[in-house]
Amino acid sequence: MAYICEICEKKTIVGRSQRHKRGVAGKRWRKKAPATRRVFRPNLQKATLNIAGKKTKMRICTKCLKRIKKSSAVGDYKNITVG
């Protein structure tokens, strides 16, 4: 199963991690450390949602979960409750 939010389709992205850009107390390093590749993953949670009267288990990001708890509606889903 892919690491994707089932509501907003937020997914894993690849970026770079910089070790240090400048030296201690603002002085410059002679050689800058190489930028290493890293992975940014969404914070997915397993939640049981009531969608139109049916209980459905979904893996959703915390942003969507917060939005559902606040307004009980996300995008195409109009009648959603958590639990």
C-alpha atoms as a PDB file:
ATOM      1  CA  MET A   1       0.000   0.000   0.000  1.00  0.00           C
ATOM      2  CA  ALA A   2       1.411   3.376  -1.004  1.00  0.00           C
ATOM      3  CA  TYR A   3       2.202   6.030   1.583  1.00  0.00           C
ATOM      4  CA  ILE A   4      -0.518   8.445   0.410  1.00  0.00           C
ATOM      5  CA  CYS A   5      -3.365  10.267   2.180  1.00  0.00           C
ATOM      6  CA  GLU A   6      -6.639   8.840   0.890  1.00  0.00           C
ATOM      7  CA  ILE A   7      -8.457  12.194   0.986  1.00  0.00           C
ATOM      8  CA  CYS A   8      -6.051  14.876  -0.248  1.00  0.00           C
ATOM      9  CA  GLU A   9      -3.574  12.493  -1.937  1.00  0.00           C
ATOM     10  CA  LYS A  10      -0.587  14.023  -0.165  1.00  0.00           C
ATOM     11  CA  LYS A  11       2.406  11.736  -0.762  1.00  0.00           C
ATOM     12  CA  THR A  12       6.095  11.225  -0.077  1.00  0.00           C
ATOM     13  CA  ILE A  13       8.469  13.741  -1.636  1.00  0.00           C
ATOM     14  CA  VAL A  14      12.245  13.738  -1.936  1.00  0.00           C
ATOM     15  CA  GLY A  15      14.391  16.703  -0.979  1.00  0.00           C
ATOM     16  CA  ARG A  16      17.832  17.609   0.226  1.00  0.00           C
ATOM     17  CA  SER A  17      19.263  18.017   3.689  1.00  0.00           C
ATOM     18  CA  GLN A  18      22.066  20.545   4.143  1.00  0.00           C
ATOM     19  CA  ARG A  19      24.479  19.728   6.944  1.00  0.00           C
ATOM     20  CA  HIS A  20      25.579  23.294   7.590  1.00  0.00           C
ATOM     21  CA  LYS A  21      25.562  26.434   5.520  1.00  0.00           C
ATOM     22  CA  ARG A  22      27.734  28.640   7.696  1.00  0.00           C
ATOM     23  CA  GLY A  23      30.229  28.056  10.440  1.00  0.00           C
ATOM     24  CA  VAL A  24      29.942  28.653  14.156  1.00  0.00           C
ATOM     25  CA  ALA A  25      29.201  32.279  15.132  1.00  0.00           C
ATOM     26  CA  GLY A  26      28.730  33.368  11.526  1.00  0.00           C
ATOM     27  CA  LYS A  27      32.182  32.456  10.237  1.00  0.00           C
ATOM     28  CA  ARG A  28      32.465  30.595   6.935  1.00  0.00           C
ATOM     29  CA  TRP A  29      33.516  26.977   6.597  1.00  0.00           C
ATOM     30  CA  ARG A  30      36.322  26.335   4.151  1.00  0.00           C
ATOM     31  CA  LYS A  31      34.365  23.543   2.484  1.00  0.00           C
ATOM     32  CA  LYS A  32      30.616  23.275   2.595  1.00  0.00           C
ATOM     33  CA  ALA A  33      29.236  19.862   3.519  1.00  0.00           C
ATOM     34  CA  PRO A  34      27.468  17.998   0.675  1.00  0.00           C
ATOM     35  CA  ALA A  35      23.707  18.129   0.459  1.00  0.00           C
ATOM     36  CA  THR A  36      22.386  14.656   1.219  1.00  0.00           C
ATOM     37  CA  ARG A  37      19.099  13.363  -0.154  1.00  0.00           C
ATOM     38  CA  ARG A  38      16.279  12.688   2.294  1.00  0.00           C
ATOM     39  CA  VAL A  39      12.602  11.748   2.281  1.00  0.00           C
ATOM     40  CA  PHE A  40       9.733  13.902   3.551  1.00  0.00           C
ATOM     41  CA  ARG A  41       6.700  11.771   4.444  1.00  0.00           C
ATOM     42  CA  PRO A  42       3.200  12.951   5.382  1.00  0.00           C
ATOM     43  CA  ASN A  43       2.039  12.261   8.925  1.00  0.00           C
ATOM     44  CA  LEU A  44      -0.529   9.541   8.184  1.00  0.00           C
ATOM     45  CA  GLN A  45      -2.916   8.200  10.808  1.00  0.00           C
ATOM     46  CA  LYS A  46      -5.368   5.318  10.658  1.00  0.00           C
ATOM     47  CA  ALA A  47      -8.873   6.621  11.297  1.00  0.00           C
ATOM     48  CA  THR A  48     -12.339   5.111  11.193  1.00  0.00           C
ATOM     49  CA  LEU A  49     -14.711   7.538   9.504  1.00  0.00           C
ATOM     50  CA  ASN A  50     -18.480   7.519   9.090  1.00  0.00           C
ATOM     51  CA  ILE A  51     -19.083   8.468   5.468  1.00  0.00           C
ATOM     52  CA  ALA A  52     -22.789   8.647   4.595  1.00  0.00           C
ATOM     53  CA  GLY A  53     -23.620   6.188   7.395  1.00  0.00           C
ATOM     54  CA  LYS A  54     -20.935   3.606   6.505  1.00  0.00           C
ATOM     55  CA  LYS A  55     -17.861   3.056   8.674  1.00  0.00           C
ATOM     56  CA  THR A  56     -14.680   3.151   6.619  1.00  0.00           C
ATOM     57  CA  LYS A  57     -11.076   2.716   7.736  1.00  0.00           C
ATOM     58  CA  MET A  58      -8.764   5.173   6.001  1.00  0.00           C
ATOM     59  CA  ARG A  59      -5.166   6.338   6.205  1.00  0.00           C
ATOM     60  CA  ILE A  60      -5.369  10.126   6.261  1.00  0.00           C
ATOM     61  CA  CYS A  61      -2.911  12.912   7.038  1.00  0.00           C
ATOM     62  CA  THR A  62      -3.235  14.881  10.253  1.00  0.00           C
ATOM     63  CA  LYS A  63      -4.200  18.035   8.349  1.00  0.00           C
ATOM     64  CA  CYS A  64      -7.270  16.278   6.917  1.00  0.00           C
ATOM     65  CA  LEU A  65      -8.056  14.732  10.306  1.00  0.00           C
ATOM     66  CA  LYS A  66      -7.977  18.177  11.929  1.00  0.00           C
ATOM     67  CA  ARG A  67     -10.183  19.592   9.163  1.00  0.00           C
ATOM     68  CA  ILE A  68     -12.717  16.762   9.623  1.00  0.00           C
ATOM     69  CA  LYS A  69     -12.864  17.226  13.400  1.00  0.00           C
ATOM     70  CA  LYS A  70     -13.359  20.971  12.987  1.00  0.00           C
ATOM     71  CA  SER A  71     -15.985  21.189  10.250  1.00  0.00           C
ATOM     72  CA  SER A  72     -17.100  17.579   9.553  1.00  0.00           C
ATOM     73  CA  ALA A  73     -16.595  18.079   5.803  1.00  0.00           C
ATOM     74  CA  VAL A  74     -13.669  17.652   3.427  1.00  0.00           C
ATOM     75  CA  GLY A  75     -13.893  18.060  -0.339  1.00  0.00           C
ATOM     76  CA  ASP A  76     -16.301  15.549  -1.875  1.00  0.00           C
ATOM     77  CA  TYR A  77     -17.217  14.019   1.499  1.00  0.00           C
ATOM     78  CA  LYS A  78     -20.023  16.089   3.028  1.00  0.00           C
ATOM     79  CA  ASN A  79     -21.260  13.891   5.883  1.00  0.00           C
ATOM     80  CA  ILE A  80     -18.148  12.762   7.768  1.00  0.00           C
ATOM     81  CA  THR A  81     -17.679  12.069  11.463  1.00  0.00           C
ATOM     82  CA  VAL A  82     -14.627  10.584  13.166  1.00  0.00           C
ATOM     83  CA  GLY A  83     -15.046   7.484  15.301  1.00  0.00           C
END
